[in-house]
Amino acid sequence: MNKISPQRPSLQSCRRRLNQRPALHDRRSVLGAGLAWAALGSASAAVTGQSEAQAAEGWLRSGGVVLAMRHALAPGTFDPPGFRLGDCSSQRNLDTEGRAQAQRIGGWFAAQSLQPVRVRSSPWCRCVDTARLAFGVAEVWPALGSPRGSTEQVNAQQQVELRRALQAASQRTGRFEVWVTHMFVLADLVGGNVASGEGLVLRAGDDGRPQLLARLDAAAIAAR
């Protein structure tokens, strides 16, 4: 039985293959460069977070500021229909990760020997739990409550109360307060979005308006 000999590639086909290889290498180089830039971007964001945490620590140590923070992770967006204050089972609450996040925040403060003179919280359970897990105490303050479901007049009055309290706290050098509240409250107070567990270091300006001095990111302080 005759064997069929495999055909040898022609010289022309070999040249074509050789010419195609650099293009493959170029694609790999571009992909590698893209991954390197992505890694560099992530590292840069981490460095920024660390720098912000150091800035926040400096302001807190100097005092005359308030750390206004959003409650820790709580799955969902709004409370279920018919929720009731004082009944945690009817509200949106911290999940396991949220409780761990609050404890990590408290651990960071303890490691830096930073002790707030006052910890005030929205009446909502997810805020009270965040405060207690992080700092061991929570002074319920209706002014920090969620604006959802309240009238515009009530929300406006609460904002006035918050600004007055911030002005008073700004006069107390060497001491700082912690306020645990909701994203919507912080958005009305200073504008912008705030992540779960993130804190804003605030001080009242000469015109009485809140000034944002630094951000304390929960992920950044967990990495320290």
Protein backbone atom coordinates (compact mmCIF):
# COMPACT_ATOMS: atom_id res chain seq x y z
CA MET A 1 0.00 0.00 0.00
CA ASN A 2 1.47 3.26 -1.08
CA LYS A 3 1.98 5.90 1.59
CA ILE A 4 0.96 9.45 0.86
CA SER A 5 3.82 11.77 1.64
CA PRO A 6 2.81 15.02 3.35
CA GLN A 7 3.21 18.07 1.15
CA ARG A 8 6.00 20.39 2.12
CA PRO A 9 5.01 24.03 2.49
CA SER A 10 6.19 26.22 -0.30
CA LEU A 11 8.76 28.95 0.26
CA GLN A 12 6.10 31.54 -0.51
CA SER A 13 3.72 30.24 2.19
CA CYS A 14 6.53 30.25 4.75
CA ARG A 15 7.24 33.87 4.04
CA ARG A 16 3.58 34.73 4.49
CA ARG A 17 3.52 33.06 7.93
CA LEU A 18 6.67 34.84 9.01
CA ASN A 19 5.20 38.16 7.96
CA GLN A 20 2.08 37.46 10.02
CA ARG A 21 3.91 36.79 13.30
CA PRO A 22 4.95 40.36 14.10
CA ALA A 23 1.31 41.41 13.78
CA LEU A 24 0.37 38.80 16.40
CA HIS A 25 3.13 40.05 18.66
CA ASP A 26 1.93 43.61 18.17
CA ARG A 27 -1.60 42.64 19.23
CA ARG A 28 -0.21 40.94 22.33
CA SER A 29 1.86 44.01 23.11
CA VAL A 30 -1.16 46.28 22.81
CA LEU A 31 -3.22 43.95 25.01
CA GLY A 32 -0.42 43.79 27.56
CA ALA A 33 -0.10 47.56 27.56
CA GLY A 34 -3.85 47.90 28.09
CA LEU A 35 -3.78 45.55 31.06
CA ALA A 36 -0.79 47.40 32.47
CA TRP A 37 -2.63 50.74 32.21
CA ALA A 38 -5.71 49.21 33.86
CA ALA A 39 -3.58 47.93 36.73
CA LEU A 40 -1.90 51.31 36.99
CA GLY A 41 -5.30 53.00 37.12
CA SER A 42 -6.44 50.70 39.95
CA ALA A 43 -3.21 51.33 41.84
CA SER A 44 -3.63 55.08 41.33
CA ALA A 45 -7.18 54.95 42.70
CA ALA A 46 -5.93 53.04 45.73
CA VAL A 47 -3.21 55.63 46.34
CA THR A 48 -5.79 58.41 46.02
CA GLY A 49 -8.01 56.67 48.56
CA GLN A 50 -5.10 56.29 50.96
CA SER A 51 -4.19 59.98 50.56
CA GLU A 52 -7.79 60.98 51.23
CA ALA A 53 -7.82 58.81 54.35
CA GLN A 54 -4.65 60.49 55.61
CA ALA A 55 -6.15 63.92 54.93
CA ALA A 56 -9.35 62.95 56.74
CA GLU A 57 -7.34 61.66 59.69
CA GLY A 58 -5.53 64.97 59.94
CA TRP A 59 -8.76 66.97 59.97
CA LEU A 60 -10.38 64.68 62.55
CA ARG A 61 -7.36 64.93 64.80
CA SER A 62 -7.41 68.73 64.59
CA GLY A 63 -11.11 68.78 65.43
CA GLY A 64 -13.74 71.38 64.77
CA VAL A 65 -15.28 69.09 62.14
CA VAL A 66 -18.04 66.53 61.65
CA LEU A 67 -17.67 63.18 59.92
CA ALA A 68 -21.02 62.76 58.20
CA MET A 69 -21.19 59.22 56.88
CA ARG A 70 -23.65 57.11 54.97
CA HIS A 71 -24.72 53.91 56.68
CA ALA A 72 -22.87 50.69 55.81
CA LEU A 73 -23.95 48.28 53.08
CA ALA A 74 -27.67 47.51 53.08
CA PRO A 75 -29.00 45.67 50.00
CA GLY A 76 -31.69 47.43 48.01
CA THR A 77 -32.57 51.07 47.39
CA PHE A 78 -35.59 52.05 49.46
CA ASP A 79 -37.45 50.66 52.45
CA PRO A 80 -40.29 48.22 51.78
CA PRO A 81 -43.81 49.68 51.56
CA GLY A 82 -45.37 50.16 54.97
CA PHE A 83 -42.08 50.18 56.88
CA ARG A 84 -42.16 51.48 60.45
CA LEU A 85 -39.53 53.29 62.48
CA GLY A 86 -38.65 51.30 65.56
CA ASP A 87 -39.45 48.03 63.79
CA CYS A 88 -36.25 46.84 62.14
CA SER A 89 -37.98 43.85 60.58
CA SER A 90 -40.02 46.21 58.38
CA GLN A 91 -36.99 48.17 57.12
CA ARG A 92 -34.05 47.68 54.77
CA ASN A 93 -31.18 46.57 57.00
CA LEU A 94 -27.45 45.90 56.94
CA ASP A 95 -26.45 42.55 55.50
CA THR A 96 -23.53 40.45 56.74
CA GLU A 97 -21.03 42.43 54.68
CA GLY A 98 -22.54 45.70 55.87
CA ARG A 99 -22.11 44.72 59.51
CA ALA A 100 -18.53 43.67 58.83
CA GLN A 101 -17.94 46.96 57.02
CA ALA A 102 -19.17 48.96 60.01
CA GLN A 103 -16.88 46.99 62.31
CA ARG A 104 -13.90 47.63 60.03
CA ILE A 105 -14.65 51.34 60.14
CA GLY A 106 -14.68 51.24 63.92
CA GLY A 107 -11.45 49.26 63.89
CA TRP A 108 -9.76 51.96 61.82
CA PHE A 109 -10.79 54.69 64.25
CA ALA A 110 -9.53 52.62 67.19
CA ALA A 111 -6.21 51.96 65.41
CA GLN A 112 -5.75 55.70 64.83
CA SER A 113 -6.77 56.51 68.43
CA LEU A 114 -9.55 58.74 67.13
CA GLN A 115 -12.51 59.01 69.47
CA PRO A 116 -15.57 61.12 68.55
CA VAL A 117 -17.09 63.17 71.33
CA ARG A 118 -20.54 62.42 69.99
CA VAL A 119 -22.06 59.82 67.64
CA ARG A 120 -25.45 60.83 66.28
CA SER A 121 -27.61 58.66 64.06
CA SER A 122 -30.70 58.68 61.93
CA PRO A 123 -33.57 56.77 63.59
CA TRP A 124 -33.46 54.14 60.80
CA CYS A 125 -32.13 50.79 62.00
CA ARG A 126 -29.39 50.51 59.36
CA CYS A 127 -27.92 53.79 60.58
CA VAL A 128 -28.24 52.96 64.28
CA ASP A 129 -26.64 49.56 63.69
CA THR A 130 -23.78 51.14 61.73
CA ALA A 131 -23.09 53.59 64.54
CA ARG A 132 -23.24 50.96 67.27
CA LEU A 133 -21.10 48.43 65.41
CA ALA A 134 -18.46 51.05 64.58
CA PHE A 135 -18.44 53.18 67.73
CA GLY A 136 -20.43 51.27 70.32
CA VAL A 137 -23.02 54.00 70.75
CA ALA A 138 -25.75 55.77 68.79
CA GLU A 139 -27.63 58.91 69.78
CA VAL A 140 -30.79 58.95 67.68
CA TRP A 141 -31.39 62.32 66.03
CA PRO A 142 -34.47 62.79 63.80
CA ALA A 143 -32.75 65.55 61.81
CA LEU A 144 -30.54 62.86 60.22
CA GLY A 145 -33.56 60.80 59.15
CA SER A 146 -34.25 59.89 55.54
CA PRO A 147 -36.16 62.55 53.60
CA ARG A 148 -38.13 59.83 51.81
CA GLY A 149 -41.75 60.11 52.79
CA SER A 150 -41.41 63.48 54.55
CA THR A 151 -42.77 66.77 53.29
CA GLU A 152 -40.53 69.36 51.66
CA GLN A 153 -41.12 71.66 54.63
CA VAL A 154 -39.93 69.03 57.13
CA ASN A 155 -36.88 68.23 55.00
CA ALA A 156 -36.00 71.91 54.73
CA GLN A 157 -36.27 72.33 58.51
CA GLN A 158 -34.02 69.32 59.04
CA GLN A 159 -31.39 70.79 56.73
CA VAL A 160 -31.46 74.05 58.70
CA GLU A 161 -31.01 72.09 61.93
CA LEU A 162 -28.08 70.15 60.47
CA ARG A 163 -26.34 73.30 59.31
CA ARG A 164 -26.75 74.95 62.69
CA ALA A 165 -25.33 71.89 64.43
CA LEU A 166 -22.41 71.84 61.99
CA GLN A 167 -21.67 75.49 62.76
CA ALA A 168 -21.63 74.72 66.48
CA ALA A 169 -19.38 71.66 66.02
CA SER A 170 -16.99 73.70 63.87
CA GLN A 171 -16.22 75.91 66.86
CA ARG A 172 -14.96 72.98 68.99
CA THR A 173 -11.31 72.57 68.12
CA GLY A 174 -9.66 69.32 69.12
CA ARG A 175 -12.96 67.43 69.02
CA PHE A 176 -15.12 65.96 66.28
CA GLU A 177 -18.56 64.41 65.94
CA VAL A 178 -19.80 61.51 63.81
CA TRP A 179 -23.18 61.63 62.11
CA VAL A 180 -24.57 58.47 60.51
CA THR A 181 -27.25 59.15 57.95
CA HIS A 182 -28.51 58.49 54.41
CA MET A 183 -27.29 59.27 50.91
CA PHE A 184 -30.18 61.64 50.24
CA VAL A 185 -29.48 63.66 53.38
CA LEU A 186 -25.81 64.05 52.46
CA ALA A 187 -26.72 64.92 48.87
CA ASP A 188 -28.98 67.72 50.11
CA LEU A 189 -26.31 68.90 52.54
CA VAL A 190 -23.24 69.00 50.28
CA GLY A 191 -24.30 67.58 46.90
CA GLY A 192 -22.95 64.57 45.03
CA ASN A 193 -23.09 60.85 45.64
CA VAL A 194 -21.75 59.03 48.70
CA ALA A 195 -20.94 55.31 48.79
CA SER A 196 -22.10 52.98 51.54
CA GLY A 197 -19.88 53.40 54.60
CA GLU A 198 -18.18 56.48 53.14
CA GLY A 199 -17.67 59.50 55.39
CA LEU A 200 -17.44 63.20 54.54
CA VAL A 201 -15.33 65.45 56.75
CA LEU A 202 -17.33 68.68 56.97
CA ARG A 203 -16.83 72.10 58.45
CA ALA A 204 -19.01 75.20 58.32
CA GLY A 205 -17.59 77.97 56.15
CA ASP A 206 -17.65 81.66 56.99
CA ASP A 207 -20.99 81.92 55.19
CA GLY A 208 -22.40 79.03 57.25
CA ARG A 209 -22.48 76.63 54.33
CA PRO A 210 -20.99 73.14 54.74
CA GLN A 211 -17.48 72.74 53.35
CA LEU A 212 -16.23 69.33 52.22
CA LEU A 213 -12.66 68.95 53.50
CA ALA A 214 -11.94 65.27 52.79
CA ARG A 215 -13.54 61.91 52.10
CA LEU A 216 -13.04 58.78 54.17
CA ASP A 217 -13.61 55.79 51.91
CA ALA A 218 -14.53 52.55 53.68
CA ALA A 219 -12.53 50.44 51.20
CA ALA A 220 -9.41 52.60 51.58
CA ILE A 221 -9.32 52.47 55.36
CA ALA A 222 -9.95 48.70 55.31
CA ALA A 223 -6.77 48.31 53.22
CA ARG A 224 -4.59 50.20 55.73
